[in-house]
Amino acid sequence: MPLKTAEIEEPSLDLTPMIDIVFLLVIFFMVGTKFSDAERQFQIKLPTVSDALPLSELPDEIIVSVARTGELYLGEKPVTLEELQQELIAAHQRYSQQAVVVRGDAQGAYQNVMNVLAVCHRVGITNLSLANRLAGEEK
């Protein structure tokens, strides 16, 4: 039985198909940019406004902090449960998907956090989360 002694040809990478695809993409984008001239076809002077707000800006989440003693803070401002409810009603009317983050003290009474959650439920806020931290994190 004769043994084959011819060297095995090393595989090579053929770049021709990749170059063809790149050229096709370049041609596609060059032809596609031709359609952008339709905007400049008419001489239209657009109206101006003095203070325009973006239409799609989402409001920041509302942070409610519950201290160990049961004191409530809406951001930095101390509030009562009734004031919190009024603020959340106003925020929910402005944006129905308003997010609320409740930050409760680990050593505080659980009832205080539940009071805040009940207010959120009465107002109709469904985008609600409880803040926490990992066990190994610094204070």
C-alpha atoms as a PDB file:
ATOM      1  CA  MET A   1       0.000   0.000   0.000  1.00  0.00           C
ATOM      2  CA  PRO A   2       1.643   3.244  -1.113  1.00  0.00           C
ATOM      3  CA  LEU A   3       1.795   6.140   1.359  1.00  0.00           C
ATOM      4  CA  LYS A   4       0.948   9.631   0.228  1.00  0.00           C
ATOM      5  CA  THR A   5       3.910  11.871   0.638  1.00  0.00           C
ATOM      6  CA  ALA A   6       2.500  15.049  -0.905  1.00  0.00           C
ATOM      7  CA  GLU A   7       2.290  18.021   1.413  1.00  0.00           C
ATOM      8  CA  ILE A   8      -1.123  19.032   2.626  1.00  0.00           C
ATOM      9  CA  GLU A   9      -2.091  22.481   1.397  1.00  0.00           C
ATOM     10  CA  GLU A  10      -2.693  24.959   4.223  1.00  0.00           C
ATOM     11  CA  PRO A  11      -6.198  26.446   4.308  1.00  0.00           C
ATOM     12  CA  SER A  12      -6.407  30.098   3.320  1.00  0.00           C
ATOM     13  CA  LEU A  13      -8.982  32.757   3.861  1.00  0.00           C
ATOM     14  CA  ASP A  14     -10.662  34.052   0.715  1.00  0.00           C
ATOM     15  CA  LEU A  15     -11.582  37.709   1.198  1.00  0.00           C
ATOM     16  CA  THR A  16     -13.276  38.186  -2.172  1.00  0.00           C
ATOM     17  CA  PRO A  17     -16.888  37.568  -0.979  1.00  0.00           C
ATOM     18  CA  MET A  18     -16.410  39.914   1.987  1.00  0.00           C
ATOM     19  CA  ILE A  19     -15.055  42.673  -0.260  1.00  0.00           C
ATOM     20  CA  ASP A  20     -18.014  42.193  -2.622  1.00  0.00           C
ATOM     21  CA  ILE A  21     -20.460  42.614   0.260  1.00  0.00           C
ATOM     22  CA  VAL A  22     -18.687  45.742   1.518  1.00  0.00           C
ATOM     23  CA  PHE A  23     -18.835  47.293  -1.956  1.00  0.00           C
ATOM     24  CA  LEU A  24     -22.538  46.448  -2.225  1.00  0.00           C
ATOM     25  CA  LEU A  25     -23.181  48.111   1.143  1.00  0.00           C
ATOM     26  CA  VAL A  26     -21.270  51.215   0.079  1.00  0.00           C
ATOM     27  CA  ILE A  27     -23.298  51.428  -3.136  1.00  0.00           C
ATOM     28  CA  PHE A  28     -26.544  50.892  -1.193  1.00  0.00           C
ATOM     29  CA  PHE A  29     -25.799  53.744   1.221  1.00  0.00           C
ATOM     30  CA  MET A  30     -24.660  56.041  -1.586  1.00  0.00           C
ATOM     31  CA  VAL A  31     -27.936  55.490  -3.438  1.00  0.00           C
ATOM     32  CA  GLY A  32     -29.936  55.835  -0.199  1.00  0.00           C
ATOM     33  CA  THR A  33     -28.495  59.264   0.591  1.00  0.00           C
ATOM     34  CA  LYS A  34     -29.916  60.607  -2.652  1.00  0.00           C
ATOM     35  CA  PHE A  35     -33.412  60.634  -1.085  1.00  0.00           C
ATOM     36  CA  SER A  36     -32.387  63.128   1.612  1.00  0.00           C
ATOM     37  CA  ASP A  37     -32.525  65.958  -0.946  1.00  0.00           C
ATOM     38  CA  ALA A  38     -36.361  65.921  -0.859  1.00  0.00           C
ATOM     39  CA  GLU A  39     -36.321  68.035   2.305  1.00  0.00           C
ATOM     40  CA  ARG A  40     -34.406  70.847   0.629  1.00  0.00           C
ATOM     41  CA  GLN A  41     -36.583  70.808  -2.465  1.00  0.00           C
ATOM     42  CA  PHE A  42     -39.077  73.350  -1.083  1.00  0.00           C
ATOM     43  CA  GLN A  43     -38.190  76.729   0.359  1.00  0.00           C
ATOM     44  CA  ILE A  44     -39.978  76.553   3.715  1.00  0.00           C
ATOM     45  CA  LYS A  45     -39.128  78.709   6.685  1.00  0.00           C
ATOM     46  CA  LEU A  46     -39.858  76.684   9.811  1.00  0.00           C
ATOM     47  CA  PRO A  47     -41.545  78.359  12.793  1.00  0.00           C
ATOM     48  CA  THR A  48     -39.528  79.111  15.913  1.00  0.00           C
ATOM     49  CA  VAL A  49     -40.378  78.813  19.600  1.00  0.00           C
ATOM     50  CA  SER A  50     -38.745  80.472  22.568  1.00  0.00           C
ATOM     51  CA  ASP A  51     -38.655  77.540  24.978  1.00  0.00           C
ATOM     52  CA  ALA A  52     -39.346  74.082  23.635  1.00  0.00           C
ATOM     53  CA  LEU A  53     -39.282  71.024  25.844  1.00  0.00           C
ATOM     54  CA  PRO A  54     -38.496  67.574  24.490  1.00  0.00           C
ATOM     55  CA  LEU A  55     -41.656  65.545  23.966  1.00  0.00           C
ATOM     56  CA  SER A  56     -40.236  62.188  24.966  1.00  0.00           C
ATOM     57  CA  GLU A  57     -38.375  63.074  28.161  1.00  0.00           C
ATOM     58  CA  LEU A  58     -39.321  60.750  30.987  1.00  0.00           C
ATOM     59  CA  PRO A  59     -39.503  62.118  34.517  1.00  0.00           C
ATOM     60  CA  ASP A  60     -36.949  61.041  37.069  1.00  0.00           C
ATOM     61  CA  GLU A  61     -37.947  58.508  39.657  1.00  0.00           C
ATOM     62  CA  ILE A  62     -39.305  59.846  42.928  1.00  0.00           C
ATOM     63  CA  ILE A  63     -37.231  58.753  45.916  1.00  0.00           C
ATOM     64  CA  VAL A  64     -39.065  58.337  49.217  1.00  0.00           C
ATOM     65  CA  SER A  65     -36.784  57.716  52.211  1.00  0.00           C
ATOM     66  CA  VAL A  66     -38.112  56.229  55.434  1.00  0.00           C
ATOM     67  CA  ALA A  67     -35.889  56.964  58.444  1.00  0.00           C
ATOM     68  CA  ARG A  68     -35.434  54.624  61.385  1.00  0.00           C
ATOM     69  CA  THR A  69     -37.762  56.809  63.481  1.00  0.00           C
ATOM     70  CA  GLY A  70     -40.497  56.740  60.829  1.00  0.00           C
ATOM     71  CA  GLU A  71     -39.853  60.198  59.379  1.00  0.00           C
ATOM     72  CA  LEU A  72     -40.532  60.434  55.634  1.00  0.00           C
ATOM     73  CA  TYR A  73     -38.434  62.363  53.131  1.00  0.00           C
ATOM     74  CA  LEU A  74     -39.471  63.092  49.563  1.00  0.00           C
ATOM     75  CA  GLY A  75     -36.067  63.631  48.016  1.00  0.00           C
ATOM     76  CA  GLU A  76     -34.452  65.917  50.604  1.00  0.00           C
ATOM     77  CA  LYS A  77     -37.673  67.440  51.941  1.00  0.00           C
ATOM     78  CA  PRO A  78     -39.365  66.014  55.067  1.00  0.00           C
ATOM     79  CA  VAL A  79     -43.053  65.225  54.479  1.00  0.00           C
ATOM     80  CA  THR A  80     -46.014  63.625  56.237  1.00  0.00           C
ATOM     81  CA  LEU A  81     -48.009  60.748  54.769  1.00  0.00           C
ATOM     82  CA  GLU A  82     -50.724  63.172  53.630  1.00  0.00           C
ATOM     83  CA  GLU A  83     -48.225  65.478  51.928  1.00  0.00           C
ATOM     84  CA  LEU A  84     -46.574  62.458  50.314  1.00  0.00           C
ATOM     85  CA  GLN A  85     -49.930  61.316  49.000  1.00  0.00           C
ATOM     86  CA  GLN A  86     -50.661  64.753  47.494  1.00  0.00           C
ATOM     87  CA  GLU A  87     -47.230  64.888  45.829  1.00  0.00           C
ATOM     88  CA  LEU A  88     -47.635  61.380  44.413  1.00  0.00           C
ATOM     89  CA  ILE A  89     -51.134  62.189  43.114  1.00  0.00           C
ATOM     90  CA  ALA A  90     -49.745  65.242  41.304  1.00  0.00           C
ATOM     91  CA  ALA A  91     -46.832  63.227  39.889  1.00  0.00           C
ATOM     92  CA  HIS A  92     -49.145  60.397  38.798  1.00  0.00           C
ATOM     93  CA  GLN A  93     -51.419  62.882  37.016  1.00  0.00           C
ATOM     94  CA  ARG A  94     -48.450  64.351  35.137  1.00  0.00           C
ATOM     95  CA  TYR A  95     -47.113  60.935  34.085  1.00  0.00           C
ATOM     96  CA  SER A  96     -49.094  57.748  34.624  1.00  0.00           C
ATOM     97  CA  GLN A  97     -46.003  55.493  34.652  1.00  0.00           C
ATOM     98  CA  GLN A  98     -44.181  57.520  37.324  1.00  0.00           C
ATOM     99  CA  ALA A  99     -41.483  55.453  39.065  1.00  0.00           C
ATOM    100  CA  VAL A 100     -41.120  55.545  42.854  1.00  0.00           C
ATOM    101  CA  VAL A 101     -38.179  54.150  44.833  1.00  0.00           C
ATOM    102  CA  VAL A 102     -38.744  53.514  48.540  1.00  0.00           C
ATOM    103  CA  ARG A 103     -35.590  53.577  50.679  1.00  0.00           C
ATOM    104  CA  GLY A 104     -36.307  52.180  54.139  1.00  0.00           C
ATOM    105  CA  ASP A 105     -33.831  52.042  57.021  1.00  0.00           C
ATOM    106  CA  ALA A 106     -32.792  48.467  57.814  1.00  0.00           C
ATOM    107  CA  GLN A 107     -33.207  49.047  61.551  1.00  0.00           C
ATOM    108  CA  GLY A 108     -36.554  50.875  61.221  1.00  0.00           C
ATOM    109  CA  ALA A 109     -40.039  49.500  61.721  1.00  0.00           C
ATOM    110  CA  TYR A 110     -41.440  47.633  58.731  1.00  0.00           C
ATOM    111  CA  GLN A 111     -44.813  49.299  59.279  1.00  0.00           C
ATOM    112  CA  ASN A 112     -43.394  52.651  58.182  1.00  0.00           C
ATOM    113  CA  VAL A 113     -42.370  51.220  54.810  1.00  0.00           C
ATOM    114  CA  MET A 114     -45.744  49.526  54.460  1.00  0.00           C
ATOM    115  CA  ASN A 115     -47.485  52.877  55.057  1.00  0.00           C
ATOM    116  CA  VAL A 116     -45.558  54.366  52.122  1.00  0.00           C
ATOM    117  CA  LEU A 117     -46.387  51.355  49.939  1.00  0.00           C
ATOM    118  CA  ALA A 118     -50.070  51.725  50.853  1.00  0.00           C
ATOM    119  CA  VAL A 119     -50.017  55.386  49.816  1.00  0.00           C
ATOM    120  CA  CYS A 120     -48.451  54.411  46.481  1.00  0.00           C
ATOM    121  CA  HIS A 121     -51.133  51.764  46.004  1.00  0.00           C
ATOM    122  CA  ARG A 122     -53.950  54.249  46.775  1.00  0.00           C
ATOM    123  CA  VAL A 123     -52.533  56.736  44.306  1.00  0.00           C
ATOM    124  CA  GLY A 124     -52.253  54.064  41.612  1.00  0.00           C
ATOM    125  CA  ILE A 125     -48.498  53.965  41.181  1.00  0.00           C
ATOM    126  CA  THR A 126     -47.464  50.603  39.774  1.00  0.00           C
ATOM    127  CA  ASN A 127     -43.826  51.319  38.877  1.00  0.00           C
ATOM    128  CA  LEU A 128     -42.534  50.828  42.412  1.00  0.00           C
ATOM    129  CA  SER A 129     -39.241  49.471  43.722  1.00  0.00           C
ATOM    130  CA  LEU A 130     -37.536  49.019  47.081  1.00  0.00           C
ATOM    131  CA  ALA A 131     -33.916  50.140  47.362  1.00  0.00           C
ATOM    132  CA  ASN A 132     -31.325  47.778  48.811  1.00  0.00           C
ATOM    133  CA  ARG A 133     -27.605  47.188  48.805  1.00  0.00           C
ATOM    134  CA  LEU A 134     -25.378  44.139  48.660  1.00  0.00           C
ATOM    135  CA  ALA A 135     -24.169  42.681  51.941  1.00  0.00           C
ATOM    136  CA  GLY A 136     -20.484  43.515  51.334  1.00  0.00           C
ATOM    137  CA  GLU A 137     -20.982  47.155  50.267  1.00  0.00           C
ATOM    138  CA  GLU A 138     -19.817  50.121  52.294  1.00  0.00           C
ATOM    139  CA  LYS A 139     -22.350  52.422  53.970  1.00  0.00           C
END
